[in-house]
Amino acid sequence: MNTDNATIDLPNTFTLQESELAALQLQAAQAQGLSSARFRDRLSDGSEGPELAVIPAGAFEYGAAPEEAAPDQDRPRRAALIEQSFAIGINPVTTEEFEIYTRATGWTPREELLWLSGRMPVIDVRQTDALDYCAWLSRETGHRYRLPTEVEWEYACRAGAATAYPHGDSIGPDSAVYNIEKDLDKSHPKTPRSLASRLARCGAKEVGGLRPNRWGLFDMPGNVWEFTASPWTADHASLPDHPQPGMTQAVVTKGGSWFDGPECCRPASRCRRLANELDINLGFRVVREL
């Protein structure tokens, strides 16, 4: 991936219609010997890994547009080239998918933390746990799995959209799981809730039930914030923050969550979290290199 570089002849996804994006997806899949832009890798026990969608190489711009209501950390908007096609999880990793890993490796969640089930997104895992899961998938399948970079994540989320959200300049509950209370009433501060109350009110939903973006990806806006592989920067023009001795690396998460308002669901939105942070609105999705 190159940023601020236009020397490679790749399609500008901001100029393409939905049918053209789908054609690019299929072409990229067929170039890898795949018959469909959606596929799964088989694991050693015969089960299947997360469902993936091929994302074709292309050019786009990441970050908030000048007219977009956004904090400075989401700016400036910059050009980027995604030089190699890749595959990304159609959904954030689910609890049932992660539990295949836990049974194979003996990893156990902390007893005092909330653990969901089935097709709910996996939560209360650290970035290091997500990286270990990716390494395990790589061993199981013989293909390299990893976390997306911040720019790859935004490219996949936008699916050719230059607007504030994947389907335009506004978003609704048909497209994302977010905190509607924060959307309707931003003038009254919320009363702090105890941990037990927060757990009882966990608003994460089963993945894949809402409107996908134009590359067929679900829950990129909303539901849970997603870890990326990128270290935190103060904005898109700054160098990555480097932890001091004894400090934990801060990393970029993307997508917003059930706990946050709709403004966090913008593809440009980014949040500073710690690599060892655990939260009930924090998960991840995988990238598989092609």
C-alpha atoms as a PDB file:
ATOM      1  CA  MET A   1       0.000   0.000   0.000  1.00  0.00           C
ATOM      2  CA  ASN A   2       1.301   3.411  -0.956  1.00  0.00           C
ATOM      3  CA  THR A   3      -0.030   6.750   0.230  1.00  0.00           C
ATOM      4  CA  ASP A   4       0.197  10.063  -1.624  1.00  0.00           C
ATOM      5  CA  ASN A   5       1.402   8.224  -4.707  1.00  0.00           C
ATOM      6  CA  ALA A   6      -0.344   8.190  -8.078  1.00  0.00           C
ATOM      7  CA  THR A   7       2.336   6.593 -10.238  1.00  0.00           C
ATOM      8  CA  ILE A   8       0.696   3.156 -10.412  1.00  0.00           C
ATOM      9  CA  ASP A   9      -2.200   2.722 -12.834  1.00  0.00           C
ATOM     10  CA  LEU A  10      -5.000   1.425 -10.609  1.00  0.00           C
ATOM     11  CA  PRO A  11      -8.721   2.186 -10.826  1.00  0.00           C
ATOM     12  CA  ASN A  12      -9.977   5.039  -8.675  1.00  0.00           C
ATOM     13  CA  THR A  13     -12.769   3.345  -6.746  1.00  0.00           C
ATOM     14  CA  PHE A  14     -14.403   6.709  -5.981  1.00  0.00           C
ATOM     15  CA  THR A  15     -15.443   6.917  -9.653  1.00  0.00           C
ATOM     16  CA  LEU A  16     -16.912   3.421 -10.066  1.00  0.00           C
ATOM     17  CA  GLN A  17     -20.507   2.228 -10.014  1.00  0.00           C
ATOM     18  CA  GLU A  18     -21.605  -0.764  -7.937  1.00  0.00           C
ATOM     19  CA  SER A  19     -21.578  -3.110 -10.947  1.00  0.00           C
ATOM     20  CA  GLU A  20     -18.035  -2.015 -11.805  1.00  0.00           C
ATOM     21  CA  LEU A  21     -16.875  -2.642  -8.243  1.00  0.00           C
ATOM     22  CA  ALA A  22     -18.429  -6.123  -8.320  1.00  0.00           C
ATOM     23  CA  ALA A  23     -16.706  -6.859 -11.645  1.00  0.00           C
ATOM     24  CA  LEU A  24     -13.360  -5.820 -10.172  1.00  0.00           C
ATOM     25  CA  GLN A  25     -13.975  -8.099  -7.193  1.00  0.00           C
ATOM     26  CA  LEU A  26     -14.706 -11.089  -9.411  1.00  0.00           C
ATOM     27  CA  GLN A  27     -11.693 -10.401 -11.634  1.00  0.00           C
ATOM     28  CA  ALA A  28      -9.423 -10.221  -8.590  1.00  0.00           C
ATOM     29  CA  ALA A  29     -10.861 -13.495  -7.273  1.00  0.00           C
ATOM     30  CA  GLN A  30     -10.472 -15.282 -10.602  1.00  0.00           C
ATOM     31  CA  ALA A  31      -6.860 -14.102 -10.812  1.00  0.00           C
ATOM     32  CA  GLN A  32      -6.330 -16.118  -7.619  1.00  0.00           C
ATOM     33  CA  GLY A  33      -8.043 -19.223  -9.025  1.00  0.00           C
ATOM     34  CA  LEU A  34     -11.254 -18.573  -7.091  1.00  0.00           C
ATOM     35  CA  SER A  35     -14.662 -18.989  -8.710  1.00  0.00           C
ATOM     36  CA  SER A  36     -16.338 -16.445  -6.425  1.00  0.00           C
ATOM     37  CA  ALA A  37     -15.374 -13.266  -4.619  1.00  0.00           C
ATOM     38  CA  ARG A  38     -16.600 -14.924  -1.395  1.00  0.00           C
ATOM     39  CA  PHE A  39     -14.863 -17.970   0.032  1.00  0.00           C
ATOM     40  CA  ARG A  40     -13.692 -19.780   3.169  1.00  0.00           C
ATOM     41  CA  ASP A  41     -10.482 -21.634   3.919  1.00  0.00           C
ATOM     42  CA  ARG A  42     -10.726 -25.091   5.458  1.00  0.00           C
ATOM     43  CA  LEU A  43      -9.173 -25.772   8.854  1.00  0.00           C
ATOM     44  CA  SER A  44      -7.243 -28.908   9.801  1.00  0.00           C
ATOM     45  CA  ASP A  45     -10.238 -30.457  11.603  1.00  0.00           C
ATOM     46  CA  GLY A  46     -12.402 -30.126   8.481  1.00  0.00           C
ATOM     47  CA  SER A  47     -14.341 -27.092   9.677  1.00  0.00           C
ATOM     48  CA  GLU A  48     -14.200 -23.741   7.929  1.00  0.00           C
ATOM     49  CA  GLY A  49     -12.576 -20.469   8.844  1.00  0.00           C
ATOM     50  CA  PRO A  50     -14.251 -17.055   8.661  1.00  0.00           C
ATOM     51  CA  GLU A  51     -16.038 -16.193   5.419  1.00  0.00           C
ATOM     52  CA  LEU A  52     -13.952 -13.809   3.330  1.00  0.00           C
ATOM     53  CA  ALA A  53     -14.533 -11.389   0.476  1.00  0.00           C
ATOM     54  CA  VAL A  54     -11.913 -10.474  -2.105  1.00  0.00           C
ATOM     55  CA  ILE A  55     -11.131  -6.758  -2.178  1.00  0.00           C
ATOM     56  CA  PRO A  56      -9.455  -5.688  -5.448  1.00  0.00           C
ATOM     57  CA  ALA A  57      -6.480  -3.381  -5.707  1.00  0.00           C
ATOM     58  CA  GLY A  58      -7.342   0.241  -6.366  1.00  0.00           C
ATOM     59  CA  ALA A  59      -6.850   3.908  -5.582  1.00  0.00           C
ATOM     60  CA  PHE A  60      -8.923   5.960  -3.138  1.00  0.00           C
ATOM     61  CA  GLU A  61      -8.711   8.692  -0.527  1.00  0.00           C
ATOM     62  CA  TYR A  62      -8.834   8.024   3.181  1.00  0.00           C
ATOM     63  CA  GLY A  63      -9.685  10.350   6.032  1.00  0.00           C
ATOM     64  CA  ALA A  64     -12.434  12.918   6.463  1.00  0.00           C
ATOM     65  CA  ALA A  65     -13.308  15.243   3.582  1.00  0.00           C
ATOM     66  CA  PRO A  66     -12.900  19.007   4.241  1.00  0.00           C
ATOM     67  CA  GLU A  67     -16.675  19.506   4.479  1.00  0.00           C
ATOM     68  CA  GLU A  68     -17.203  16.498   6.773  1.00  0.00           C
ATOM     69  CA  ALA A  69     -17.931  17.133  10.448  1.00  0.00           C
ATOM     70  CA  ALA A  70     -14.970  15.353  12.010  1.00  0.00           C
ATOM     71  CA  PRO A  71     -12.245  15.853  14.624  1.00  0.00           C
ATOM     72  CA  ASP A  72      -8.696  16.722  13.625  1.00  0.00           C
ATOM     73  CA  GLN A  73      -7.518  13.164  14.299  1.00  0.00           C
ATOM     74  CA  ASP A  74      -9.513  12.004  11.230  1.00  0.00           C
ATOM     75  CA  ARG A  75      -7.740  14.491   8.928  1.00  0.00           C
ATOM     76  CA  PRO A  76      -6.319  15.335   6.449  1.00  0.00           C
ATOM     77  CA  ARG A  77      -7.849  13.373   3.602  1.00  0.00           C
ATOM     78  CA  ARG A  78      -5.024  11.660   1.738  1.00  0.00           C
ATOM     79  CA  ALA A  79      -4.614   9.634  -1.440  1.00  0.00           C
ATOM     80  CA  ALA A  80      -3.632   5.982  -1.197  1.00  0.00           C
ATOM     81  CA  LEU A  81      -2.991   3.060  -3.506  1.00  0.00           C
ATOM     82  CA  ILE A  82      -3.901  -0.470  -2.494  1.00  0.00           C
ATOM     83  CA  GLU A  83      -1.435  -2.198  -4.775  1.00  0.00           C
ATOM     84  CA  GLN A  84      -2.352  -5.813  -3.989  1.00  0.00           C
ATOM     85  CA  SER A  85      -5.764  -7.383  -3.752  1.00  0.00           C
ATOM     86  CA  PHE A  86      -6.562  -8.976  -0.404  1.00  0.00           C
ATOM     87  CA  ALA A  87      -9.408 -10.829   1.274  1.00  0.00           C
ATOM     88  CA  ILE A  88     -11.123  -9.565   4.414  1.00  0.00           C
ATOM     89  CA  GLY A  89     -13.693 -11.033   6.771  1.00  0.00           C
ATOM     90  CA  ILE A  90     -17.234 -10.457   5.570  1.00  0.00           C
ATOM     91  CA  ASN A  91     -18.106 -10.071   9.260  1.00  0.00           C
ATOM     92  CA  PRO A  92     -16.140  -9.296  12.384  1.00  0.00           C
ATOM     93  CA  VAL A  93     -14.865 -12.530  13.906  1.00  0.00           C
ATOM     94  CA  THR A  94     -17.731 -14.171  15.766  1.00  0.00           C
ATOM     95  CA  THR A  95     -17.649 -15.821  19.161  1.00  0.00           C
ATOM     96  CA  GLU A  96     -18.305 -19.250  17.637  1.00  0.00           C
ATOM     97  CA  GLU A  97     -15.430 -18.781  15.177  1.00  0.00           C
ATOM     98  CA  PHE A  98     -13.082 -17.711  17.941  1.00  0.00           C
ATOM     99  CA  GLU A  99     -14.169 -20.656  20.098  1.00  0.00           C
ATOM    100  CA  ILE A 100     -12.804 -23.095  17.499  1.00  0.00           C
ATOM    101  CA  TYR A 101      -9.447 -21.479  18.253  1.00  0.00           C
ATOM    102  CA  THR A 102      -9.992 -21.639  22.026  1.00  0.00           C
ATOM    103  CA  ARG A 103     -10.725 -25.376  21.890  1.00  0.00           C
ATOM    104  CA  ALA A 104      -7.670 -26.027  19.738  1.00  0.00           C
ATOM    105  CA  THR A 105      -5.243 -23.956  21.812  1.00  0.00           C
ATOM    106  CA  GLY A 106      -6.612 -23.907  25.350  1.00  0.00           C
ATOM    107  CA  TRP A 107      -7.103 -20.129  25.373  1.00  0.00           C
ATOM    108  CA  THR A 108      -9.723 -19.157  27.936  1.00  0.00           C
ATOM    109  CA  PRO A 109     -11.555 -15.874  28.507  1.00  0.00           C
ATOM    110  CA  ARG A 110     -11.261 -14.175  31.873  1.00  0.00           C
ATOM    111  CA  GLU A 111     -14.061 -15.379  34.110  1.00  0.00           C
ATOM    112  CA  GLU A 112     -15.049 -11.912  35.319  1.00  0.00           C
ATOM    113  CA  LEU A 113     -15.565 -10.543  31.789  1.00  0.00           C
ATOM    114  CA  LEU A 114     -18.553 -10.861  29.502  1.00  0.00           C
ATOM    115  CA  TRP A 115     -18.404 -13.621  26.892  1.00  0.00           C
ATOM    116  CA  LEU A 116     -21.006 -13.838  24.150  1.00  0.00           C
ATOM    117  CA  SER A 117     -22.012 -16.822  22.022  1.00  0.00           C
ATOM    118  CA  GLY A 118     -22.827 -17.943  18.506  1.00  0.00           C
ATOM    119  CA  ARG A 119     -22.766 -15.309  15.787  1.00  0.00           C
ATOM    120  CA  MET A 120     -22.291 -12.445  18.173  1.00  0.00           C
ATOM    121  CA  PRO A 121     -18.991 -10.627  17.588  1.00  0.00           C
ATOM    122  CA  VAL A 122     -16.192 -11.797  19.839  1.00  0.00           C
ATOM    123  CA  ILE A 123     -15.450  -9.158  22.491  1.00  0.00           C
ATOM    124  CA  ASP A 124     -13.173  -8.767  25.504  1.00  0.00           C
ATOM    125  CA  VAL A 125     -10.108  -9.850  23.550  1.00  0.00           C
ATOM    126  CA  ARG A 126      -6.853  -7.895  23.279  1.00  0.00           C
ATOM    127  CA  GLN A 127      -5.092  -6.994  20.064  1.00  0.00           C
ATOM    128  CA  THR A 128      -2.483  -9.586  21.025  1.00  0.00           C
ATOM    129  CA  ASP A 129      -5.240 -12.223  21.228  1.00  0.00           C
ATOM    130  CA  ALA A 130      -6.436 -11.181  17.770  1.00  0.00           C
ATOM    131  CA  LEU A 131      -2.882 -11.467  16.425  1.00  0.00           C
ATOM    132  CA  ASP A 132      -2.518 -14.928  17.982  1.00  0.00           C
ATOM    133  CA  TYR A 133      -5.810 -15.986  16.388  1.00  0.00           C
ATOM    134  CA  CYS A 134      -4.531 -14.790  12.999  1.00  0.00           C
ATOM    135  CA  ALA A 135      -1.266 -16.718  13.476  1.00  0.00           C
ATOM    136  CA  TRP A 136      -3.268 -19.849  14.330  1.00  0.00           C
ATOM    137  CA  LEU A 137      -5.451 -19.428  11.232  1.00  0.00           C
ATOM    138  CA  SER A 138      -2.273 -19.085   9.167  1.00  0.00           C
ATOM    139  CA  ARG A 139      -0.931 -22.385  10.515  1.00  0.00           C
ATOM    140  CA  GLU A 140      -4.266 -24.126  10.057  1.00  0.00           C
ATOM    141  CA  THR A 141      -4.828 -23.034   6.455  1.00  0.00           C
ATOM    142  CA  GLY A 142      -1.360 -22.490   5.026  1.00  0.00           C
ATOM    143  CA  HIS A 143      -2.305 -18.910   4.081  1.00  0.00           C
ATOM    144  CA  ARG A 144      -1.205 -15.721   5.809  1.00  0.00           C
ATOM    145  CA  TYR A 145      -3.859 -14.162   8.018  1.00  0.00           C
ATOM    146  CA  ARG A 146      -3.356 -10.876   9.848  1.00  0.00           C
ATOM    147  CA  LEU A 147      -5.166  -7.753  11.019  1.00  0.00           C
ATOM    148  CA  PRO A 148      -5.919  -5.072   8.426  1.00  0.00           C
ATOM    149  CA  THR A 149      -3.976  -1.842   8.429  1.00  0.00           C
ATOM    150  CA  GLU A 150      -5.971   1.296   9.096  1.00  0.00           C
ATOM    151  CA  VAL A 151      -5.879   2.244   5.410  1.00  0.00           C
ATOM    152  CA  GLU A 152      -6.894  -1.248   4.241  1.00  0.00           C
ATOM    153  CA  TRP A 153      -9.791  -1.221   6.703  1.00  0.00           C
ATOM    154  CA  GLU A 154     -11.057   2.145   5.474  1.00  0.00           C
ATOM    155  CA  TYR A 155     -10.651   1.123   1.826  1.00  0.00           C
ATOM    156  CA  ALA A 156     -12.713  -2.021   2.450  1.00  0.00           C
ATOM    157  CA  CYS A 157     -15.329  -0.106   4.434  1.00  0.00           C
ATOM    158  CA  ARG A 158     -15.787   2.661   1.866  1.00  0.00           C
ATOM    159  CA  ALA A 159     -16.252   0.257  -1.061  1.00  0.00           C
ATOM    160  CA  GLY A 160     -15.860   3.147  -3.469  1.00  0.00           C
ATOM    161  CA  ALA A 161     -17.750   5.712  -1.374  1.00  0.00           C
ATOM    162  CA  ALA A 162     -16.265   9.189  -0.987  1.00  0.00           C
ATOM    163  CA  THR A 163     -19.164  10.178   1.285  1.00  0.00           C
ATOM    164  CA  ALA A 164     -19.202  10.354   5.083  1.00  0.00           C
ATOM    165  CA  TYR A 165     -20.748   6.869   5.307  1.00  0.00           C
ATOM    166  CA  PRO A 166     -20.611   3.806   3.010  1.00  0.00           C
ATOM    167  CA  HIS A 167     -24.068   4.574   1.543  1.00  0.00           C
ATOM    168  CA  GLY A 168     -24.118   8.372   1.607  1.00  0.00           C
ATOM    169  CA  ASP A 169     -23.778  11.305   3.960  1.00  0.00           C
ATOM    170  CA  SER A 170     -26.053   9.850   6.627  1.00  0.00           C
ATOM    171  CA  ILE A 171     -26.572   6.470   8.245  1.00  0.00           C
ATOM    172  CA  GLY A 172     -29.532   4.719   9.833  1.00  0.00           C
ATOM    173  CA  PRO A 173     -30.166   1.652  12.004  1.00  0.00           C
ATOM    174  CA  ASP A 174     -30.711  -0.474   8.885  1.00  0.00           C
ATOM    175  CA  SER A 175     -26.977  -0.126   8.139  1.00  0.00           C
ATOM    176  CA  ALA A 176     -25.253  -0.129  11.535  1.00  0.00           C
ATOM    177  CA  VAL A 177     -25.656  -1.031  15.192  1.00  0.00           C
ATOM    178  CA  TYR A 178     -24.967   2.201  17.059  1.00  0.00           C
ATOM    179  CA  ASN A 179     -26.315   4.049  20.083  1.00  0.00           C
ATOM    180  CA  ILE A 180     -29.500   5.676  18.851  1.00  0.00           C
ATOM    181  CA  GLU A 181     -29.902   7.491  22.201  1.00  0.00           C
ATOM    182  CA  LYS A 182     -26.713   9.395  21.487  1.00  0.00           C
ATOM    183  CA  ASP A 183     -28.044  10.250  18.047  1.00  0.00           C
ATOM    184  CA  LEU A 184     -31.371  11.566  19.341  1.00  0.00           C
ATOM    185  CA  ASP A 185     -30.232  13.427  22.448  1.00  0.00           C
ATOM    186  CA  LYS A 186     -26.711  14.784  22.663  1.00  0.00           C
ATOM    187  CA  SER A 187     -27.542  17.591  25.101  1.00  0.00           C
ATOM    188  CA  HIS A 188     -27.924  15.581  28.319  1.00  0.00           C
ATOM    189  CA  PRO A 189     -24.931  13.754  29.791  1.00  0.00           C
ATOM    190  CA  LYS A 190     -25.497  10.094  30.520  1.00  0.00           C
ATOM    191  CA  THR A 191     -25.283   8.850  34.088  1.00  0.00           C
ATOM    192  CA  PRO A 192     -22.162   6.683  34.550  1.00  0.00           C
ATOM    193  CA  ARG A 193     -23.049   3.027  34.760  1.00  0.00           C
ATOM    194  CA  SER A 194     -21.463   0.346  36.897  1.00  0.00           C
ATOM    195  CA  LEU A 195     -19.585  -2.489  35.193  1.00  0.00           C
ATOM    196  CA  ALA A 196     -22.397  -4.917  36.027  1.00  0.00           C
ATOM    197  CA  SER A 197     -24.927  -2.553  34.472  1.00  0.00           C
ATOM    198  CA  ARG A 198     -22.797  -2.125  31.353  1.00  0.00           C
ATOM    199  CA  LEU A 199     -22.523  -5.884  30.955  1.00  0.00           C
ATOM    200  CA  ALA A 200     -26.270  -6.295  31.309  1.00  0.00           C
ATOM    201  CA  ARG A 201     -26.799  -3.599  28.698  1.00  0.00           C
ATOM    202  CA  CYS A 202     -24.304  -4.893  26.127  1.00  0.00           C
ATOM    203  CA  GLY A 203     -25.863  -3.871  22.840  1.00  0.00           C
ATOM    204  CA  ALA A 204     -23.820  -5.956  20.410  1.00  0.00           C
ATOM    205  CA  LYS A 205     -25.938  -7.805  17.835  1.00  0.00           C
ATOM    206  CA  GLU A 206     -25.491 -10.904  15.719  1.00  0.00           C
ATOM    207  CA  VAL A 207     -23.363 -10.126  12.696  1.00  0.00           C
ATOM    208  CA  GLY A 208     -24.607 -10.055   9.132  1.00  0.00           C
ATOM    209  CA  GLY A 209     -28.171  -8.935   9.749  1.00  0.00           C
ATOM    210  CA  LEU A 210     -28.033  -5.389   8.435  1.00  0.00           C
ATOM    211  CA  ARG A 211     -27.286  -3.736   5.098  1.00  0.00           C
ATOM    212  CA  PRO A 212     -23.858  -4.629   3.678  1.00  0.00           C
ATOM    213  CA  ASN A 213     -21.606  -2.213   1.865  1.00  0.00           C
ATOM    214  CA  ARG A 214     -21.057  -2.452  -1.888  1.00  0.00           C
ATOM    215  CA  TRP A 215     -18.393  -5.138  -1.479  1.00  0.00           C
ATOM    216  CA  GLY A 216     -20.738  -7.279   0.593  1.00  0.00           C
ATOM    217  CA  LEU A 217     -19.126  -6.565   3.959  1.00  0.00           C
ATOM    218  CA  PHE A 218     -21.313  -6.410   7.062  1.00  0.00           C
ATOM    219  CA  ASP A 219     -20.952  -4.512  10.338  1.00  0.00           C
ATOM    220  CA  MET A 220     -17.976  -2.413   9.331  1.00  0.00           C
ATOM    221  CA  PRO A 221     -19.889   0.608  10.617  1.00  0.00           C
ATOM    222  CA  GLY A 222     -21.083  -0.036  14.152  1.00  0.00           C
ATOM    223  CA  ASN A 223     -21.573  -3.105  16.334  1.00  0.00           C
ATOM    224  CA  VAL A 224     -17.999  -3.264  17.731  1.00  0.00           C
ATOM    225  CA  TRP A 225     -14.859  -1.198  17.255  1.00  0.00           C
ATOM    226  CA  GLU A 226     -12.291  -3.267  15.355  1.00  0.00           C
ATOM    227  CA  PHE A 227      -8.578  -3.509  16.056  1.00  0.00           C
ATOM    228  CA  THR A 228      -6.248  -2.704  13.188  1.00  0.00           C
ATOM    229  CA  ALA A 229      -2.545  -3.456  12.898  1.00  0.00           C
ATOM    230  CA  SER A 230      -1.682   0.253  12.779  1.00  0.00           C
ATOM    231  CA  PRO A 231      -0.066   2.132  15.668  1.00  0.00           C
ATOM    232  CA  TRP A 232      -1.862   5.270  16.781  1.00  0.00           C
ATOM    233  CA  THR A 233      -1.084   8.616  15.193  1.00  0.00           C
ATOM    234  CA  ALA A 234      -2.461  11.980  16.280  1.00  0.00           C
ATOM    235  CA  ASP A 235      -3.730  12.531  12.722  1.00  0.00           C
ATOM    236  CA  HIS A 236      -3.035  11.349   9.185  1.00  0.00           C
ATOM    237  CA  ALA A 237       0.008  13.611   8.815  1.00  0.00           C
ATOM    238  CA  SER A 238       1.770  12.510  12.014  1.00  0.00           C
ATOM    239  CA  LEU A 239       4.293   9.795  12.687  1.00  0.00           C
ATOM    240  CA  PRO A 240       3.086   6.823  14.764  1.00  0.00           C
ATOM    241  CA  ASP A 241       3.183   7.206  18.523  1.00  0.00           C
ATOM    242  CA  HIS A 242       5.865   5.057  20.127  1.00  0.00           C
ATOM    243  CA  PRO A 243       5.389   3.810  23.683  1.00  0.00           C
ATOM    244  CA  GLN A 244       7.873   4.808  26.329  1.00  0.00           C
ATOM    245  CA  PRO A 245       9.519   2.043  28.386  1.00  0.00           C
ATOM    246  CA  GLY A 246       6.866   0.333  30.450  1.00  0.00           C
ATOM    247  CA  MET A 247       3.993   1.740  28.390  1.00  0.00           C
ATOM    248  CA  THR A 248       1.626  -0.236  26.183  1.00  0.00           C
ATOM    249  CA  GLN A 249       1.385   0.537  22.466  1.00  0.00           C
ATOM    250  CA  ALA A 250      -1.640   2.594  21.453  1.00  0.00           C
ATOM    251  CA  VAL A 251      -3.306   1.355  18.260  1.00  0.00           C
ATOM    252  CA  VAL A 252      -5.979   2.479  15.815  1.00  0.00           C
ATOM    253  CA  THR A 253      -9.454   0.971  16.005  1.00  0.00           C
ATOM    254  CA  LYS A 254     -12.136   1.634  13.414  1.00  0.00           C
ATOM    255  CA  GLY A 255     -15.864   1.402  12.866  1.00  0.00           C
ATOM    256  CA  GLY A 256     -17.686   2.670  15.937  1.00  0.00           C
ATOM    257  CA  SER A 257     -19.876   0.461  18.113  1.00  0.00           C
ATOM    258  CA  TRP A 258     -23.236  -0.174  19.731  1.00  0.00           C
ATOM    259  CA  PHE A 259     -22.159   2.084  22.608  1.00  0.00           C
ATOM    260  CA  ASP A 260     -21.231   5.097  20.452  1.00  0.00           C
ATOM    261  CA  GLY A 261     -23.157   7.576  18.351  1.00  0.00           C
ATOM    262  CA  PRO A 262     -23.496   7.398  14.561  1.00  0.00           C
ATOM    263  CA  GLU A 263     -20.624   9.838  13.952  1.00  0.00           C
ATOM    264  CA  CYS A 264     -18.234   7.055  15.025  1.00  0.00           C
ATOM    265  CA  CYS A 265     -19.589   4.874  12.192  1.00  0.00           C
ATOM    266  CA  ARG A 266     -17.962   7.058   9.520  1.00  0.00           C
ATOM    267  CA  PRO A 267     -15.240   5.197   7.553  1.00  0.00           C
ATOM    268  CA  ALA A 268     -12.848   8.033   8.451  1.00  0.00           C
ATOM    269  CA  SER A 269     -13.573   7.787  12.175  1.00  0.00           C
ATOM    270  CA  ARG A 270     -10.751   6.379  14.283  1.00  0.00           C
ATOM    271  CA  CYS A 271     -10.304   5.694  17.971  1.00  0.00           C
ATOM    272  CA  ARG A 272      -7.195   5.345  20.133  1.00  0.00           C
ATOM    273  CA  ARG A 273      -7.158   2.103  22.115  1.00  0.00           C
ATOM    274  CA  LEU A 274      -4.387   0.141  23.814  1.00  0.00           C
ATOM    275  CA  ALA A 275      -3.088  -3.130  22.412  1.00  0.00           C
ATOM    276  CA  ASN A 276      -3.835  -4.880  25.712  1.00  0.00           C
ATOM    277  CA  GLU A 277      -7.240  -3.242  26.185  1.00  0.00           C
ATOM    278  CA  LEU A 278     -10.323  -5.365  26.850  1.00  0.00           C
ATOM    279  CA  ASP A 279     -13.806  -3.983  26.297  1.00  0.00           C
ATOM    280  CA  ILE A 280     -17.347  -5.119  25.583  1.00  0.00           C
ATOM    281  CA  ASN A 281     -17.514  -2.955  22.458  1.00  0.00           C
ATOM    282  CA  LEU A 282     -14.155  -3.969  20.977  1.00  0.00           C
ATOM    283  CA  GLY A 283     -13.458  -6.836  18.539  1.00  0.00           C
ATOM    284  CA  PHE A 284     -11.722  -7.416  15.204  1.00  0.00           C
ATOM    285  CA  ARG A 285     -11.937  -8.861  11.695  1.00  0.00           C
ATOM    286  CA  VAL A 286      -9.224 -10.640   9.721  1.00  0.00           C
ATOM    287  CA  VAL A 287      -7.378 -10.093   6.486  1.00  0.00           C
ATOM    288  CA  ARG A 288      -6.105 -12.995   4.400  1.00  0.00           C
ATOM    289  CA  GLU A 289      -3.349 -12.191   1.937  1.00  0.00           C
ATOM    290  CA  LEU A 290      -3.790 -13.345  -1.664  1.00  0.00           C
END
